[in-house]
N, C-alpha and C. Protein backbone atom coordinates (compact mmCIF):
# COMPACT_ATOMS: atom_id res chain seq x y z
N MET A 1 5.56 0.62 -11.28
CA MET A 1 6.40 -0.05 -10.31
C MET A 1 7.17 -1.15 -11.04
N GLN A 2 8.45 -1.15 -10.83
CA GLN A 2 9.31 -2.15 -11.44
C GLN A 2 9.27 -3.46 -10.66
N ARG A 3 9.61 -4.54 -11.33
CA ARG A 3 9.58 -5.87 -10.72
C ARG A 3 10.53 -5.95 -9.52
N ALA A 4 11.72 -5.36 -9.64
CA ALA A 4 12.70 -5.40 -8.55
C ALA A 4 12.19 -4.63 -7.33
N GLU A 5 11.54 -3.51 -7.59
CA GLU A 5 10.99 -2.70 -6.49
C GLU A 5 9.90 -3.49 -5.75
N LYS A 6 9.06 -4.18 -6.52
CA LYS A 6 7.98 -4.96 -5.92
C LYS A 6 8.55 -6.12 -5.10
N LYS A 7 9.59 -6.78 -5.62
CA LYS A 7 10.22 -7.88 -4.88
C LYS A 7 10.83 -7.38 -3.58
N GLU A 8 11.42 -6.20 -3.61
CA GLU A 8 12.01 -5.62 -2.41
C GLU A 8 10.94 -5.32 -1.36
N ILE A 9 9.81 -4.79 -1.80
CA ILE A 9 8.70 -4.51 -0.89
C ILE A 9 8.20 -5.80 -0.27
N ILE A 10 8.03 -6.83 -1.09
CA ILE A 10 7.55 -8.12 -0.59
C ILE A 10 8.54 -8.69 0.42
N ALA A 11 9.83 -8.58 0.14
CA ALA A 11 10.85 -9.09 1.06
C ALA A 11 10.81 -8.35 2.40
N ASN A 12 10.54 -7.06 2.38
CA ASN A 12 10.54 -6.27 3.61
C ASN A 12 9.32 -6.53 4.49
N PHE A 13 8.16 -6.86 3.87
CA PHE A 13 6.92 -6.95 4.63
C PHE A 13 6.35 -8.36 4.74
N ALA A 14 6.96 -9.33 4.09
CA ALA A 14 6.43 -10.69 4.10
C ALA A 14 6.59 -11.34 5.47
N ARG A 15 5.63 -12.21 5.81
CA ARG A 15 5.69 -12.93 7.08
C ARG A 15 6.71 -14.06 7.02
N ASP A 16 6.81 -14.70 5.85
CA ASP A 16 7.81 -15.74 5.64
C ASP A 16 8.31 -15.63 4.20
N LYS A 17 9.13 -16.59 3.79
CA LYS A 17 9.82 -16.49 2.50
C LYS A 17 8.86 -16.51 1.31
N LYS A 18 7.79 -17.28 1.39
CA LYS A 18 6.88 -17.43 0.25
C LYS A 18 5.64 -16.56 0.35
N ASP A 19 5.56 -15.69 1.31
CA ASP A 19 4.38 -14.86 1.54
C ASP A 19 4.34 -13.71 0.54
N THR A 20 3.25 -13.64 -0.24
CA THR A 20 3.05 -12.52 -1.15
C THR A 20 1.67 -11.89 -1.01
N GLY A 21 0.77 -12.53 -0.25
CA GLY A 21 -0.59 -12.04 -0.23
C GLY A 21 -1.11 -11.62 1.12
N SER A 22 -0.25 -11.56 2.12
CA SER A 22 -0.72 -11.14 3.44
C SER A 22 -1.14 -9.66 3.39
N PRO A 23 -2.00 -9.25 4.30
CA PRO A 23 -2.44 -7.85 4.29
C PRO A 23 -1.27 -6.86 4.38
N GLU A 24 -0.24 -7.21 5.12
CA GLU A 24 0.90 -6.30 5.26
C GLU A 24 1.56 -6.05 3.90
N VAL A 25 1.75 -7.12 3.14
CA VAL A 25 2.38 -7.00 1.82
C VAL A 25 1.47 -6.21 0.87
N GLN A 26 0.18 -6.54 0.88
CA GLN A 26 -0.75 -5.84 0.00
C GLN A 26 -0.81 -4.35 0.31
N ILE A 27 -0.80 -4.00 1.59
CA ILE A 27 -0.84 -2.59 1.98
C ILE A 27 0.43 -1.87 1.52
N ALA A 28 1.57 -2.52 1.67
CA ALA A 28 2.83 -1.90 1.26
C ALA A 28 2.88 -1.69 -0.26
N ILE A 29 2.42 -2.67 -1.02
CA ILE A 29 2.41 -2.55 -2.48
C ILE A 29 1.45 -1.44 -2.91
N LEU A 30 0.27 -1.41 -2.31
CA LEU A 30 -0.69 -0.35 -2.64
C LEU A 30 -0.14 1.03 -2.30
N THR A 31 0.55 1.14 -1.18
CA THR A 31 1.14 2.42 -0.78
C THR A 31 2.16 2.88 -1.82
N SER A 32 2.97 1.96 -2.30
CA SER A 32 3.96 2.30 -3.32
C SER A 32 3.28 2.76 -4.61
N ARG A 33 2.23 2.06 -5.02
CA ARG A 33 1.51 2.44 -6.24
C ARG A 33 0.81 3.78 -6.07
N ILE A 34 0.26 4.04 -4.88
CA ILE A 34 -0.41 5.31 -4.61
C ILE A 34 0.59 6.46 -4.68
N GLU A 35 1.78 6.25 -4.11
CA GLU A 35 2.81 7.30 -4.15
C GLU A 35 3.22 7.62 -5.58
N SER A 36 3.39 6.59 -6.42
CA SER A 36 3.80 6.86 -7.80
C SER A 36 2.69 7.58 -8.57
N LEU A 37 1.43 7.21 -8.31
CA LEU A 37 0.33 7.90 -8.98
C LEU A 37 0.16 9.33 -8.46
N LYS A 38 0.50 9.53 -7.20
CA LYS A 38 0.39 10.88 -6.63
C LYS A 38 1.30 11.85 -7.38
N TRP A 39 2.52 11.40 -7.67
CA TRP A 39 3.44 12.26 -8.42
C TRP A 39 2.94 12.49 -9.85
N HIS A 40 2.34 11.46 -10.44
CA HIS A 40 1.78 11.60 -11.79
C HIS A 40 0.65 12.64 -11.79
N LEU A 41 -0.20 12.59 -10.78
CA LEU A 41 -1.35 13.50 -10.75
C LEU A 41 -0.94 14.94 -10.46
N GLU A 42 0.18 15.14 -9.79
CA GLU A 42 0.64 16.51 -9.58
C GLU A 42 1.04 17.16 -10.90
N GLU A 43 1.59 16.35 -11.81
CA GLU A 43 2.00 16.89 -13.10
C GLU A 43 0.83 16.97 -14.08
N HIS A 44 -0.06 15.97 -14.05
CA HIS A 44 -1.18 15.91 -14.98
C HIS A 44 -2.48 16.11 -14.18
N LYS A 45 -2.80 17.35 -13.94
CA LYS A 45 -3.90 17.69 -13.04
C LYS A 45 -5.28 17.28 -13.58
N LYS A 46 -5.43 17.15 -14.88
CA LYS A 46 -6.74 16.86 -15.46
C LYS A 46 -6.93 15.37 -15.78
N ASP A 47 -6.05 14.53 -15.33
CA ASP A 47 -6.14 13.10 -15.60
C ASP A 47 -7.10 12.45 -14.61
N ASN A 48 -8.39 12.54 -14.93
CA ASN A 48 -9.41 12.06 -14.00
C ASN A 48 -9.50 10.54 -13.94
N HIS A 49 -9.09 9.85 -14.99
CA HIS A 49 -9.10 8.39 -14.96
C HIS A 49 -8.10 7.87 -13.93
N SER A 50 -6.92 8.45 -13.90
CA SER A 50 -5.94 8.04 -12.90
C SER A 50 -6.37 8.48 -11.50
N ARG A 51 -7.06 9.60 -11.42
CA ARG A 51 -7.55 10.08 -10.13
C ARG A 51 -8.55 9.08 -9.55
N ARG A 52 -9.40 8.52 -10.41
CA ARG A 52 -10.35 7.51 -9.96
C ARG A 52 -9.59 6.26 -9.50
N GLY A 53 -8.57 5.89 -10.24
CA GLY A 53 -7.77 4.73 -9.87
C GLY A 53 -7.11 4.89 -8.51
N ILE A 54 -6.56 6.06 -8.25
CA ILE A 54 -5.91 6.29 -6.96
C ILE A 54 -6.93 6.27 -5.84
N MET A 55 -8.14 6.76 -6.09
CA MET A 55 -9.18 6.74 -5.06
C MET A 55 -9.59 5.30 -4.73
N LEU A 56 -9.67 4.45 -5.75
CA LEU A 56 -9.99 3.04 -5.52
C LEU A 56 -8.89 2.35 -4.72
N MET A 57 -7.63 2.67 -5.04
CA MET A 57 -6.51 2.07 -4.31
C MET A 57 -6.49 2.52 -2.85
N VAL A 58 -6.77 3.79 -2.61
CA VAL A 58 -6.81 4.30 -1.24
C VAL A 58 -7.92 3.61 -0.45
N ALA A 59 -9.07 3.40 -1.09
CA ALA A 59 -10.18 2.73 -0.42
C ALA A 59 -9.83 1.28 -0.10
N LYS A 60 -9.18 0.60 -1.04
CA LYS A 60 -8.79 -0.80 -0.81
C LYS A 60 -7.75 -0.89 0.31
N ARG A 61 -6.80 0.06 0.32
CA ARG A 61 -5.80 0.07 1.40
C ARG A 61 -6.46 0.32 2.75
N ARG A 62 -7.44 1.20 2.79
CA ARG A 62 -8.15 1.49 4.04
C ARG A 62 -8.87 0.24 4.53
N LYS A 63 -9.53 -0.51 3.63
CA LYS A 63 -10.20 -1.74 4.02
C LYS A 63 -9.21 -2.76 4.57
N LEU A 64 -8.06 -2.89 3.92
CA LEU A 64 -7.05 -3.84 4.40
C LEU A 64 -6.50 -3.40 5.76
N LEU A 65 -6.32 -2.10 5.95
CA LEU A 65 -5.85 -1.60 7.24
C LEU A 65 -6.87 -1.85 8.34
N ASN A 66 -8.15 -1.66 8.02
CA ASN A 66 -9.20 -1.94 9.01
C ASN A 66 -9.22 -3.41 9.39
N TYR A 67 -9.06 -4.29 8.40
CA TYR A 67 -9.02 -5.72 8.66
C TYR A 67 -7.82 -6.07 9.55
N LEU A 68 -6.67 -5.49 9.22
CA LEU A 68 -5.46 -5.77 9.99
C LEU A 68 -5.60 -5.26 11.42
N LYS A 69 -6.26 -4.13 11.60
CA LYS A 69 -6.46 -3.58 12.95
C LYS A 69 -7.34 -4.52 13.78
N LYS A 70 -8.37 -5.11 13.15
CA LYS A 70 -9.25 -6.04 13.86
C LYS A 70 -8.55 -7.34 14.22
N THR A 71 -7.70 -7.84 13.32
CA THR A 71 -7.12 -9.16 13.52
C THR A 71 -5.79 -9.12 14.27
N ASN A 72 -4.95 -8.11 14.01
CA ASN A 72 -3.63 -8.07 14.62
C ASN A 72 -3.24 -6.61 14.85
N ASN A 73 -3.60 -6.10 16.01
CA ASN A 73 -3.39 -4.68 16.30
C ASN A 73 -1.90 -4.30 16.35
N GLU A 74 -1.05 -5.22 16.79
CA GLU A 74 0.39 -4.93 16.85
C GLU A 74 0.96 -4.73 15.45
N LYS A 75 0.60 -5.62 14.52
CA LYS A 75 1.07 -5.49 13.13
C LYS A 75 0.53 -4.21 12.50
N TYR A 76 -0.70 -3.86 12.86
CA TYR A 76 -1.31 -2.63 12.35
C TYR A 76 -0.47 -1.41 12.74
N ASP A 77 -0.13 -1.32 14.01
CA ASP A 77 0.68 -0.19 14.48
C ASP A 77 2.06 -0.21 13.83
N GLU A 78 2.62 -1.39 13.67
CA GLU A 78 3.95 -1.53 13.08
C GLU A 78 3.95 -1.07 11.61
N ILE A 79 2.94 -1.47 10.87
CA ILE A 79 2.91 -1.11 9.45
C ILE A 79 2.63 0.38 9.26
N LEU A 80 1.82 0.97 10.15
CA LEU A 80 1.60 2.42 10.08
C LEU A 80 2.90 3.18 10.29
N ALA A 81 3.70 2.70 11.23
CA ALA A 81 4.98 3.36 11.50
C ALA A 81 5.96 3.16 10.34
N LYS A 82 6.04 1.94 9.82
CA LYS A 82 6.98 1.65 8.73
C LYS A 82 6.67 2.44 7.47
N LEU A 83 5.39 2.53 7.14
CA LEU A 83 4.99 3.20 5.90
C LEU A 83 4.71 4.67 6.11
N GLU A 84 4.84 5.14 7.35
CA GLU A 84 4.60 6.53 7.70
C GLU A 84 3.21 6.99 7.29
N LEU A 85 2.22 6.14 7.59
CA LEU A 85 0.82 6.48 7.34
C LEU A 85 0.24 7.05 8.62
N ARG A 86 -0.79 7.86 8.49
CA ARG A 86 -1.41 8.41 9.69
C ARG A 86 -2.81 7.87 9.82
N LYS A 87 -3.25 7.74 11.04
CA LYS A 87 -4.60 7.28 11.31
C LYS A 87 -5.02 7.83 12.65
């Protein structure tokens, strides 16, 4: 992920100008990283180290989504729609 791409994601999902660590931003960044690794794994099918990394990222994203659902259900639904995730 390039620095410009990450800044764009932060700008789209941040609650305010200086927000970089809210669950919404973290979920969006993880989703972007998961997508890039997904394409890598389609080409390199035997890369088990990266496969483990993507599984850890998916688990972390799931935990953040569960937390967001408990604390702010409206934001949870909004982020699922924006990122086109299913639940």
